[in-house]
C-alpha cells in the first residue's frame, strides 16, 4: 500500500501524460456517467471549475448539464484565510483566474454550505472504500465538514479505483459516489 503523497504523485504523472483530446473525450464520458447517479431531483449543485492547463477533468460539460436541468450551480473561490467560499453562478457572474490558475467568481451571492445538496469533488484517485486522494490542500476536507450530513459527495476521476490507501485519517470524509469515464462507484 502507498501513502496519499505517493499516490498523488503517481496519478499526477498519469494525468500529465493525457493529451488534450483524451481529456476532452474522457470529460464528456464522465459527464454522461454522472447523469445516471440518482441526484438530479436535487436543486443545489456545487461544482469546481477546471484548471485545464493542469489537465484536470473539464467540468464545463457537467456544468452545462446542471444549467440545462435548471438547477442552481454553485462554484467555489478561495478566501484570504485559505478556505472555500461558495457563490451562485449566474449570467452576471464575472470569472477571473486566481494565482493557482483556477477560474473563480469575482461577484455574486454567497451560498451557505448547509444548503448544498450535491458536491462534485476534484480528485486524482479513490479507493474501493470511498476514500479519496485530492490535491493535498485540505480545501475540500474543510468545506465538506461545513455541509449537511445528507449532502451527496461525488468524486470525479479519470482513473479506476485502487484497492486501499495507507494513511487514511479519521478526519477524512468519504465519497458517496465516484465517477470515472467508464463506471459509477457507490459507497
N, C-alpha and C. Protein backbone atom coordinates (compact mmCIF):
# COMPACT_ATOMS: atom_id res chain seq x y z
N UNK A 1 0.85 -1.20 0.00
CA UNK A 1 0.00 0.00 0.00
C UNK A 1 0.88 1.25 0.00
N UNK A 2 0.39 2.27 -0.68
CA UNK A 2 1.12 3.52 -0.78
C UNK A 2 0.44 4.61 0.05
N UNK A 3 1.21 5.64 0.37
CA UNK A 3 0.66 6.79 1.08
C UNK A 3 -0.06 7.70 0.08
N UNK A 4 -0.86 8.60 0.61
CA UNK A 4 -1.56 9.56 -0.26
C UNK A 4 -0.57 10.39 -1.07
N UNK A 5 0.52 10.79 -0.44
CA UNK A 5 1.52 11.60 -1.14
C UNK A 5 2.11 10.83 -2.33
N UNK A 6 2.42 9.55 -2.14
CA UNK A 6 2.95 8.73 -3.23
C UNK A 6 1.90 8.54 -4.33
N UNK A 7 0.67 8.29 -3.90
CA UNK A 7 -0.42 8.08 -4.86
C UNK A 7 -0.67 9.36 -5.66
N UNK A 8 -0.66 10.49 -4.97
CA UNK A 8 -0.88 11.79 -5.62
C UNK A 8 0.15 12.00 -6.72
N UNK A 9 1.41 11.75 -6.43
CA UNK A 9 2.47 11.95 -7.41
C UNK A 9 2.30 10.99 -8.59
N UNK A 10 2.00 9.73 -8.32
CA UNK A 10 1.81 8.73 -9.36
C UNK A 10 0.69 9.12 -10.32
N UNK A 11 -0.45 9.55 -9.75
CA UNK A 11 -1.60 9.87 -10.60
C UNK A 11 -1.50 11.24 -11.24
N UNK A 12 -0.73 12.15 -10.67
CA UNK A 12 -0.45 13.41 -11.35
C UNK A 12 0.37 13.11 -12.61
N UNK A 13 1.34 12.21 -12.48
CA UNK A 13 2.16 11.82 -13.65
C UNK A 13 1.30 11.15 -14.72
N UNK A 14 0.37 10.29 -14.31
CA UNK A 14 -0.52 9.64 -15.28
C UNK A 14 -1.39 10.67 -15.99
N UNK A 15 -1.89 11.62 -15.22
CA UNK A 15 -2.75 12.66 -15.80
C UNK A 15 -1.96 13.55 -16.75
N UNK A 16 -0.71 13.85 -16.39
CA UNK A 16 0.12 14.69 -17.25
C UNK A 16 0.36 14.07 -18.62
N UNK A 17 0.27 12.75 -18.71
CA UNK A 17 0.51 12.06 -19.98
C UNK A 17 -0.70 12.06 -20.90
N UNK A 18 -1.86 12.48 -20.38
CA UNK A 18 -3.06 12.53 -21.21
C UNK A 18 -2.98 13.70 -22.19
N UNK A 19 -3.43 13.47 -23.41
CA UNK A 19 -3.47 14.56 -24.39
C UNK A 19 -4.72 15.41 -24.14
N UNK A 20 -4.72 16.60 -24.70
CA UNK A 20 -5.88 17.48 -24.58
C UNK A 20 -7.11 16.81 -25.18
N UNK A 21 -6.93 16.12 -26.30
CA UNK A 21 -8.03 15.41 -26.95
C UNK A 21 -8.57 14.30 -26.04
N UNK A 22 -7.68 13.54 -25.40
CA UNK A 22 -8.11 12.49 -24.47
C UNK A 22 -8.89 13.08 -23.30
N UNK A 23 -8.38 14.18 -22.76
CA UNK A 23 -9.06 14.83 -21.63
C UNK A 23 -10.46 15.26 -22.04
N UNK A 24 -10.59 15.82 -23.23
CA UNK A 24 -11.91 16.25 -23.72
C UNK A 24 -12.87 15.06 -23.81
N UNK A 25 -12.44 13.98 -24.44
CA UNK A 25 -13.29 12.79 -24.59
C UNK A 25 -13.64 12.17 -23.24
N UNK A 26 -12.64 12.03 -22.37
CA UNK A 26 -12.87 11.44 -21.05
C UNK A 26 -13.82 12.30 -20.21
N UNK A 27 -13.67 13.61 -20.32
CA UNK A 27 -14.53 14.53 -19.56
C UNK A 27 -15.99 14.43 -20.00
N UNK A 28 -16.21 14.31 -21.30
CA UNK A 28 -17.59 14.16 -21.80
C UNK A 28 -18.17 12.82 -21.33
N UNK A 29 -17.38 11.76 -21.41
CA UNK A 29 -17.85 10.44 -20.94
C UNK A 29 -18.19 10.49 -19.46
N UNK A 30 -17.35 11.15 -18.69
CA UNK A 30 -17.57 11.27 -17.25
C UNK A 30 -18.87 12.04 -16.97
N UNK A 31 -19.08 13.12 -17.69
CA UNK A 31 -20.31 13.91 -17.51
C UNK A 31 -21.54 13.08 -17.84
N UNK A 32 -21.47 12.29 -18.90
CA UNK A 32 -22.59 11.42 -19.26
C UNK A 32 -22.86 10.37 -18.19
N UNK A 33 -21.81 9.85 -17.58
CA UNK A 33 -21.98 8.87 -16.49
C UNK A 33 -22.69 9.53 -15.30
N UNK A 34 -22.37 10.77 -15.04
CA UNK A 34 -22.99 11.47 -13.90
C UNK A 34 -24.51 11.55 -14.04
N UNK A 35 -25.01 11.52 -15.26
CA UNK A 35 -26.46 11.56 -15.48
C UNK A 35 -27.16 10.34 -14.89
N UNK A 36 -26.43 9.27 -14.66
CA UNK A 36 -27.02 8.03 -14.16
C UNK A 36 -27.03 7.94 -12.63
N UNK A 37 -26.46 8.93 -11.95
CA UNK A 37 -26.48 8.94 -10.49
C UNK A 37 -27.83 9.51 -10.04
N UNK A 38 -28.45 8.93 -9.02
CA UNK A 38 -29.76 9.43 -8.58
C UNK A 38 -29.68 10.71 -7.75
N UNK A 39 -29.27 11.79 -8.41
CA UNK A 39 -29.12 13.08 -7.72
C UNK A 39 -29.90 14.19 -8.40
N UNK A 40 -30.47 13.93 -9.55
CA UNK A 40 -30.97 15.02 -10.38
C UNK A 40 -32.32 15.56 -9.94
N UNK A 41 -32.88 15.02 -8.88
CA UNK A 41 -34.09 15.58 -8.27
C UNK A 41 -33.72 16.70 -7.30
N UNK A 42 -32.44 16.83 -6.97
CA UNK A 42 -31.98 17.84 -6.03
C UNK A 42 -31.79 19.18 -6.75
N UNK A 43 -31.55 20.25 -5.98
CA UNK A 43 -31.54 21.60 -6.56
C UNK A 43 -30.18 22.29 -6.59
N UNK A 44 -29.38 22.16 -5.54
CA UNK A 44 -28.18 22.97 -5.38
C UNK A 44 -26.92 22.14 -5.59
N UNK A 45 -26.23 22.38 -6.71
CA UNK A 45 -25.08 21.59 -7.13
C UNK A 45 -23.80 22.42 -7.07
N UNK A 46 -22.86 21.99 -6.26
CA UNK A 46 -21.56 22.65 -6.14
C UNK A 46 -20.61 21.98 -7.13
N UNK A 47 -19.97 22.77 -7.96
CA UNK A 47 -19.07 22.21 -8.98
C UNK A 47 -17.82 23.08 -9.08
N UNK A 48 -16.68 22.43 -9.18
CA UNK A 48 -15.42 23.15 -9.35
C UNK A 48 -15.23 23.50 -10.82
N UNK A 49 -14.56 24.61 -11.05
CA UNK A 49 -14.20 24.99 -12.42
C UNK A 49 -12.76 24.53 -12.65
N UNK A 50 -12.52 23.96 -13.80
CA UNK A 50 -11.28 23.26 -14.08
C UNK A 50 -10.11 24.18 -14.39
N UNK A 51 -8.92 23.66 -14.03
CA UNK A 51 -7.66 24.27 -14.45
C UNK A 51 -7.19 23.41 -15.62
N UNK A 52 -7.55 23.80 -16.82
CA UNK A 52 -7.29 22.96 -17.98
C UNK A 52 -5.80 22.80 -18.26
N UNK A 53 -4.98 23.81 -17.93
CA UNK A 53 -3.54 23.66 -18.17
C UNK A 53 -2.92 22.62 -17.22
N UNK A 54 -3.62 22.32 -16.12
CA UNK A 54 -3.17 21.26 -15.19
C UNK A 54 -3.76 19.90 -15.55
N UNK A 55 -4.46 19.87 -16.69
CA UNK A 55 -5.06 18.65 -17.22
C UNK A 55 -6.09 18.05 -16.27
N UNK A 56 -6.85 18.93 -15.62
CA UNK A 56 -7.96 18.48 -14.79
C UNK A 56 -9.12 18.04 -15.67
N UNK A 57 -10.03 17.31 -15.07
CA UNK A 57 -11.28 16.98 -15.74
C UNK A 57 -11.95 18.29 -16.14
N UNK A 58 -12.40 18.37 -17.37
CA UNK A 58 -13.11 19.55 -17.84
C UNK A 58 -14.56 19.44 -17.35
N UNK A 59 -14.91 20.29 -16.41
CA UNK A 59 -16.26 20.22 -15.84
C UNK A 59 -17.28 21.04 -16.63
N UNK A 60 -16.87 21.69 -17.71
CA UNK A 60 -17.84 22.51 -18.46
C UNK A 60 -18.99 21.68 -19.03
N UNK A 61 -18.78 20.43 -19.53
CA UNK A 61 -19.95 19.66 -19.96
C UNK A 61 -20.92 19.35 -18.81
N UNK A 62 -20.37 19.06 -17.64
CA UNK A 62 -21.22 18.77 -16.47
C UNK A 62 -21.93 20.04 -16.01
N UNK A 63 -21.25 21.15 -16.06
CA UNK A 63 -21.88 22.43 -15.71
C UNK A 63 -23.03 22.73 -16.68
N UNK A 64 -22.85 22.42 -17.95
CA UNK A 64 -23.92 22.60 -18.93
C UNK A 64 -25.14 21.74 -18.60
N UNK A 65 -24.89 20.52 -18.12
CA UNK A 65 -25.99 19.64 -17.71
C UNK A 65 -26.75 20.25 -16.54
N UNK A 66 -26.01 20.74 -15.55
CA UNK A 66 -26.63 21.35 -14.37
C UNK A 66 -27.51 22.52 -14.80
N UNK A 67 -26.99 23.36 -15.65
CA UNK A 67 -27.74 24.53 -16.10
C UNK A 67 -28.94 24.13 -16.97
N UNK A 68 -28.75 23.14 -17.84
CA UNK A 68 -29.84 22.70 -18.73
C UNK A 68 -30.98 22.07 -17.93
N UNK A 69 -30.65 21.48 -16.80
CA UNK A 69 -31.68 20.88 -15.95
C UNK A 69 -32.29 21.92 -15.00
N UNK A 70 -31.91 23.18 -15.19
CA UNK A 70 -32.45 24.30 -14.41
C UNK A 70 -32.17 24.14 -12.91
N UNK A 71 -30.97 23.68 -12.59
CA UNK A 71 -30.51 23.54 -11.21
C UNK A 71 -29.65 24.74 -10.85
N UNK A 72 -29.45 24.94 -9.57
CA UNK A 72 -28.58 26.02 -9.10
C UNK A 72 -27.14 25.53 -9.13
N UNK A 73 -26.28 26.22 -9.86
CA UNK A 73 -24.85 25.90 -9.90
C UNK A 73 -24.13 26.83 -8.93
N UNK A 74 -23.34 26.22 -8.07
CA UNK A 74 -22.59 26.95 -7.05
C UNK A 74 -21.12 26.65 -7.28
N UNK A 75 -20.30 27.69 -7.33
CA UNK A 75 -18.88 27.49 -7.60
C UNK A 75 -18.04 28.10 -6.48
N UNK A 76 -16.86 27.53 -6.24
CA UNK A 76 -16.03 28.00 -5.12
C UNK A 76 -15.03 29.08 -5.52
N UNK A 77 -14.60 29.81 -4.50
CA UNK A 77 -13.41 30.64 -4.62
C UNK A 77 -12.66 30.54 -3.30
N UNK A 78 -11.36 30.74 -3.37
CA UNK A 78 -10.50 30.63 -2.18
C UNK A 78 -10.44 32.00 -1.50
N UNK A 79 -10.67 32.01 -0.19
CA UNK A 79 -10.62 33.26 0.57
C UNK A 79 -9.18 33.53 1.03
N UNK A 80 -9.00 34.70 1.61
CA UNK A 80 -7.68 35.07 2.17
C UNK A 80 -7.28 34.15 3.32
N UNK A 81 -8.25 33.49 3.94
CA UNK A 81 -7.98 32.58 5.06
C UNK A 81 -7.78 31.13 4.57
N UNK A 82 -7.60 30.96 3.26
CA UNK A 82 -7.41 29.63 2.66
C UNK A 82 -8.58 28.68 2.91
N UNK A 83 -9.75 29.25 2.85
CA UNK A 83 -10.98 28.46 2.94
C UNK A 83 -11.72 28.64 1.61
N UNK A 84 -12.68 27.76 1.37
CA UNK A 84 -13.51 27.93 0.18
C UNK A 84 -14.75 28.72 0.55
N UNK A 85 -15.10 29.64 -0.32
CA UNK A 85 -16.35 30.40 -0.23
C UNK A 85 -17.14 29.99 -1.46
N UNK A 86 -18.46 29.98 -1.37
CA UNK A 86 -19.28 29.38 -2.41
C UNK A 86 -20.28 30.42 -2.93
N UNK A 87 -20.27 30.61 -4.26
CA UNK A 87 -21.12 31.63 -4.86
C UNK A 87 -22.01 31.03 -5.93
N UNK A 88 -23.21 31.56 -5.99
CA UNK A 88 -24.17 31.15 -7.01
C UNK A 88 -23.67 31.64 -8.36
N UNK A 89 -23.65 30.74 -9.33
CA UNK A 89 -23.24 31.09 -10.69
C UNK A 89 -24.46 31.59 -11.46
N UNK A 90 -24.36 32.82 -11.97
CA UNK A 90 -25.45 33.41 -12.76
C UNK A 90 -24.87 33.99 -14.04
N UNK A 91 -25.73 34.52 -14.88
CA UNK A 91 -25.27 35.17 -16.12
C UNK A 91 -24.42 36.40 -15.82
N UNK A 92 -24.59 36.99 -14.64
CA UNK A 92 -23.85 38.19 -14.27
C UNK A 92 -22.53 37.89 -13.57
N UNK A 93 -22.24 36.62 -13.31
CA UNK A 93 -21.01 36.26 -12.60
C UNK A 93 -19.79 36.55 -13.47
N UNK A 94 -18.85 37.26 -12.90
CA UNK A 94 -17.57 37.56 -13.56
C UNK A 94 -16.55 36.56 -13.03
N UNK A 95 -15.88 35.86 -13.94
CA UNK A 95 -14.86 34.88 -13.57
C UNK A 95 -13.47 35.43 -13.86
N UNK A 96 -12.53 35.13 -12.96
CA UNK A 96 -11.14 35.55 -13.15
C UNK A 96 -10.25 34.47 -12.55
N UNK A 97 -9.15 34.14 -13.21
CA UNK A 97 -8.24 33.13 -12.69
C UNK A 97 -7.50 33.66 -11.46
N UNK A 98 -7.45 32.82 -10.40
CA UNK A 98 -6.68 33.19 -9.22
C UNK A 98 -5.21 32.85 -9.42
N UNK A 99 -4.40 32.98 -8.38
CA UNK A 99 -2.95 32.76 -8.51
C UNK A 99 -2.61 31.30 -8.85
N UNK A 100 -3.54 30.36 -8.59
CA UNK A 100 -3.33 28.95 -8.95
C UNK A 100 -3.81 28.64 -10.37
N UNK A 101 -4.41 29.64 -11.02
CA UNK A 101 -4.96 29.42 -12.36
C UNK A 101 -6.39 28.90 -12.34
N UNK A 102 -7.03 28.93 -11.17
CA UNK A 102 -8.40 28.44 -11.03
C UNK A 102 -9.37 29.58 -11.35
N UNK A 103 -10.31 29.35 -12.29
CA UNK A 103 -11.33 30.37 -12.54
C UNK A 103 -12.23 30.51 -11.30
N UNK A 104 -12.36 31.74 -10.83
CA UNK A 104 -13.17 31.99 -9.64
C UNK A 104 -14.15 33.13 -9.88
N UNK A 105 -15.31 33.06 -9.19
CA UNK A 105 -16.27 34.16 -9.30
C UNK A 105 -15.74 35.39 -8.56
N UNK A 106 -15.91 36.54 -9.17
CA UNK A 106 -15.48 37.80 -8.57
C UNK A 106 -16.63 38.52 -7.88
N UNK A 107 -17.84 38.06 -8.15
CA UNK A 107 -19.02 38.70 -7.59
C UNK A 107 -20.11 37.64 -7.47
N UNK A 108 -21.15 37.98 -6.76
CA UNK A 108 -22.29 37.07 -6.68
C UNK A 108 -22.79 36.86 -5.28
N UNK A 109 -23.80 36.02 -5.20
CA UNK A 109 -24.46 35.72 -3.94
C UNK A 109 -23.71 34.58 -3.26
N UNK A 110 -23.28 34.82 -2.02
CA UNK A 110 -22.59 33.78 -1.25
C UNK A 110 -23.63 32.79 -0.73
N UNK A 111 -23.32 31.51 -0.89
CA UNK A 111 -24.23 30.43 -0.52
C UNK A 111 -23.65 29.65 0.67
N UNK A 112 -24.48 29.35 1.63
CA UNK A 112 -24.06 28.56 2.79
C UNK A 112 -23.87 27.10 2.38
N UNK A 113 -22.79 26.45 2.85
CA UNK A 113 -22.60 25.03 2.57
C UNK A 113 -23.77 24.17 3.06
N UNK A 114 -24.52 24.67 4.02
CA UNK A 114 -25.64 23.91 4.59
C UNK A 114 -26.77 23.65 3.60
N UNK A 115 -26.88 24.48 2.55
CA UNK A 115 -27.98 24.27 1.60
C UNK A 115 -27.53 23.54 0.33
N UNK A 116 -26.25 23.19 0.26
CA UNK A 116 -25.74 22.49 -0.92
C UNK A 116 -26.17 21.03 -0.85
N UNK A 117 -26.80 20.55 -1.92
CA UNK A 117 -27.29 19.17 -1.98
C UNK A 117 -26.26 18.19 -2.50
N UNK A 118 -25.48 18.61 -3.50
CA UNK A 118 -24.52 17.74 -4.17
C UNK A 118 -23.22 18.51 -4.36
N UNK A 119 -22.09 17.84 -4.07
CA UNK A 119 -20.78 18.43 -4.29
C UNK A 119 -20.00 17.52 -5.24
N UNK A 120 -19.59 18.07 -6.37
CA UNK A 120 -18.67 17.37 -7.27
C UNK A 120 -17.26 17.72 -6.83
N UNK A 121 -16.46 16.70 -6.54
CA UNK A 121 -15.16 16.90 -5.90
C UNK A 121 -14.03 16.53 -6.86
N UNK A 122 -13.08 17.44 -7.05
CA UNK A 122 -11.91 17.09 -7.87
C UNK A 122 -11.00 16.16 -7.08
N UNK A 123 -10.47 15.17 -7.76
CA UNK A 123 -9.53 14.28 -7.10
C UNK A 123 -8.67 13.58 -8.13
N UNK A 124 -7.57 13.02 -7.65
CA UNK A 124 -6.73 12.21 -8.52
C UNK A 124 -7.29 10.81 -8.62
N UNK A 125 -7.56 10.22 -7.46
CA UNK A 125 -7.95 8.81 -7.43
C UNK A 125 -8.72 8.56 -6.14
N UNK A 126 -9.37 7.41 -6.06
CA UNK A 126 -10.12 7.00 -4.88
C UNK A 126 -9.89 5.51 -4.70
N UNK A 127 -10.26 5.02 -3.52
CA UNK A 127 -10.13 3.58 -3.32
C UNK A 127 -11.51 2.93 -3.25
N UNK A 128 -11.53 1.63 -3.11
CA UNK A 128 -12.78 0.87 -3.16
C UNK A 128 -13.66 1.08 -1.93
N UNK A 129 -13.18 1.84 -0.95
CA UNK A 129 -13.98 2.14 0.24
C UNK A 129 -14.50 3.59 0.22
N UNK A 130 -14.21 4.32 -0.85
CA UNK A 130 -14.70 5.70 -0.95
C UNK A 130 -13.75 6.74 -0.40
N UNK A 131 -12.53 6.34 -0.04
CA UNK A 131 -11.52 7.31 0.37
C UNK A 131 -10.96 7.97 -0.87
N UNK A 132 -10.55 9.21 -0.73
CA UNK A 132 -10.12 9.97 -1.90
C UNK A 132 -8.74 10.58 -1.71
N UNK A 133 -8.06 10.76 -2.83
CA UNK A 133 -6.80 11.49 -2.84
C UNK A 133 -7.02 12.71 -3.72
N UNK A 134 -7.06 13.86 -3.06
CA UNK A 134 -7.21 15.11 -3.77
C UNK A 134 -5.85 15.75 -3.99
N UNK A 135 -5.83 17.06 -4.00
CA UNK A 135 -4.61 17.77 -4.33
C UNK A 135 -3.75 18.08 -3.10
N UNK A 136 -4.25 17.76 -1.93
CA UNK A 136 -3.43 17.87 -0.73
C UNK A 136 -3.55 19.19 0.03
N UNK A 137 -4.37 20.11 -0.44
CA UNK A 137 -4.50 21.39 0.24
C UNK A 137 -5.50 21.39 1.39
N UNK A 138 -6.36 20.38 1.45
CA UNK A 138 -7.34 20.29 2.53
C UNK A 138 -8.57 21.18 2.33
N UNK A 139 -8.67 21.86 1.20
CA UNK A 139 -9.80 22.77 0.97
C UNK A 139 -11.13 22.02 1.04
N UNK A 140 -11.22 20.88 0.37
CA UNK A 140 -12.49 20.15 0.34
C UNK A 140 -12.76 19.45 1.66
N UNK A 141 -11.73 19.03 2.38
CA UNK A 141 -11.96 18.45 3.71
C UNK A 141 -12.63 19.48 4.62
N UNK A 142 -12.10 20.69 4.62
CA UNK A 142 -12.68 21.75 5.46
C UNK A 142 -14.09 22.10 5.00
N UNK A 143 -14.28 22.20 3.70
CA UNK A 143 -15.58 22.55 3.14
C UNK A 143 -16.63 21.48 3.45
N UNK A 144 -16.30 20.23 3.22
CA UNK A 144 -17.28 19.15 3.42
C UNK A 144 -17.72 19.03 4.87
N UNK A 145 -16.87 19.42 5.80
CA UNK A 145 -17.24 19.40 7.22
C UNK A 145 -18.35 20.43 7.52
N UNK A 146 -18.44 21.46 6.68
CA UNK A 146 -19.46 22.51 6.86
C UNK A 146 -20.80 22.13 6.24
N UNK A 147 -20.81 21.12 5.39
CA UNK A 147 -22.04 20.71 4.70
C UNK A 147 -22.90 19.86 5.63
N UNK A 148 -24.16 19.69 5.25
CA UNK A 148 -25.05 18.79 5.98
C UNK A 148 -24.58 17.36 5.81
N UNK A 149 -24.95 16.50 6.75
CA UNK A 149 -24.56 15.09 6.64
C UNK A 149 -25.22 14.42 5.44
N UNK A 150 -26.32 14.99 4.94
CA UNK A 150 -27.02 14.41 3.78
C UNK A 150 -26.49 14.90 2.44
N UNK A 151 -25.57 15.84 2.44
CA UNK A 151 -25.00 16.33 1.18
C UNK A 151 -24.33 15.17 0.46
N UNK A 152 -24.64 15.01 -0.81
CA UNK A 152 -24.08 13.90 -1.61
C UNK A 152 -22.73 14.33 -2.16
N UNK A 153 -21.71 13.51 -1.86
CA UNK A 153 -20.34 13.82 -2.28
C UNK A 153 -19.96 12.91 -3.45
N UNK A 154 -19.69 13.53 -4.61
CA UNK A 154 -19.39 12.80 -5.83
C UNK A 154 -17.98 13.14 -6.29
N UNK A 155 -17.09 12.18 -6.23
CA UNK A 155 -15.72 12.38 -6.69
C UNK A 155 -15.62 12.12 -8.19
N UNK A 156 -14.83 12.92 -8.87
CA UNK A 156 -14.63 12.78 -10.31
C UNK A 156 -13.17 12.45 -10.59
N UNK A 157 -12.94 11.35 -11.30
CA UNK A 157 -11.57 10.92 -11.59
C UNK A 157 -11.49 10.33 -13.00
N UNK A 158 -10.36 10.54 -13.65
CA UNK A 158 -10.11 9.89 -14.93
C UNK A 158 -9.81 8.40 -14.76
N UNK A 159 -9.42 7.99 -13.54
CA UNK A 159 -8.83 6.68 -13.34
C UNK A 159 -9.68 5.75 -12.48
N UNK A 160 -9.54 4.44 -12.75
CA UNK A 160 -10.22 3.41 -11.96
C UNK A 160 -9.67 3.42 -10.54
N UNK A 161 -10.46 2.94 -9.56
CA UNK A 161 -10.02 3.00 -8.16
C UNK A 161 -8.85 2.05 -7.89
N UNK A 162 -8.14 2.38 -6.82
CA UNK A 162 -7.13 1.48 -6.29
C UNK A 162 -7.79 0.69 -5.15
N UNK A 163 -7.14 -0.36 -4.68
CA UNK A 163 -7.73 -1.19 -3.62
C UNK A 163 -7.89 -0.43 -2.32
N UNK A 164 -6.80 -0.04 -1.71
CA UNK A 164 -6.83 0.70 -0.44
C UNK A 164 -5.64 1.63 -0.38
N UNK A 165 -5.76 2.68 0.41
CA UNK A 165 -4.61 3.54 0.65
C UNK A 165 -4.19 3.43 2.11
N UNK A 166 -2.96 3.77 2.35
CA UNK A 166 -2.32 3.51 3.63
C UNK A 166 -2.69 4.48 4.74
N UNK A 167 -2.64 5.75 4.47
CA UNK A 167 -2.71 6.75 5.54
C UNK A 167 -4.05 7.49 5.59
N UNK A 168 -5.10 6.74 5.80
CA UNK A 168 -6.43 7.33 5.94
C UNK A 168 -6.56 7.88 7.37
N UNK A 169 -7.10 9.07 7.46
CA UNK A 169 -7.28 9.71 8.76
C UNK A 169 -8.76 9.63 9.17
N UNK A 170 -8.99 9.67 10.45
CA UNK A 170 -10.37 9.67 10.95
C UNK A 170 -11.11 10.94 10.52
N UNK A 171 -10.36 11.97 10.11
CA UNK A 171 -10.97 13.24 9.70
C UNK A 171 -11.29 13.27 8.21
N UNK A 172 -10.78 12.30 7.45
CA UNK A 172 -11.07 12.24 6.02
C UNK A 172 -12.55 11.95 5.80
N UNK A 173 -13.15 12.68 4.89
CA UNK A 173 -14.57 12.49 4.58
C UNK A 173 -14.66 11.66 3.31
N UNK A 174 -15.39 10.56 3.41
CA UNK A 174 -15.52 9.63 2.29
C UNK A 174 -16.53 10.13 1.27
N UNK A 175 -16.38 9.59 0.08
CA UNK A 175 -17.31 9.89 -1.01
C UNK A 175 -18.58 9.06 -0.88
N UNK A 176 -19.66 9.54 -1.43
CA UNK A 176 -20.88 8.74 -1.59
C UNK A 176 -20.84 8.02 -2.94
N UNK A 177 -20.30 8.72 -3.94
CA UNK A 177 -20.14 8.17 -5.28
C UNK A 177 -18.79 8.61 -5.82
N UNK A 178 -18.26 7.80 -6.72
CA UNK A 178 -17.11 8.21 -7.52
C UNK A 178 -17.44 7.86 -8.96
N UNK A 179 -17.11 8.77 -9.85
CA UNK A 179 -17.44 8.58 -11.25
C UNK A 179 -16.15 8.65 -12.07
N UNK A 180 -15.98 7.66 -12.94
CA UNK A 180 -14.90 7.66 -13.91
C UNK A 180 -15.56 7.70 -15.30
N UNK A 181 -14.79 7.84 -16.35
CA UNK A 181 -15.41 7.83 -17.68
C UNK A 181 -16.14 6.52 -18.01
N UNK A 182 -15.77 5.43 -17.31
CA UNK A 182 -16.36 4.12 -17.60
C UNK A 182 -17.34 3.60 -16.57
N UNK A 183 -17.28 4.11 -15.33
CA UNK A 183 -18.04 3.48 -14.25
C UNK A 183 -18.52 4.47 -13.21
N UNK A 184 -19.52 4.00 -12.45
CA UNK A 184 -20.00 4.72 -11.27
C UNK A 184 -19.80 3.79 -10.08
N UNK A 185 -19.21 4.30 -9.02
CA UNK A 185 -18.99 3.54 -7.80
C UNK A 185 -19.83 4.16 -6.70
N UNK A 186 -20.51 3.34 -5.94
CA UNK A 186 -21.34 3.82 -4.83
C UNK A 186 -20.78 3.27 -3.53
N UNK A 187 -20.71 4.12 -2.51
CA UNK A 187 -20.13 3.70 -1.24
C UNK A 187 -21.15 3.83 -0.12
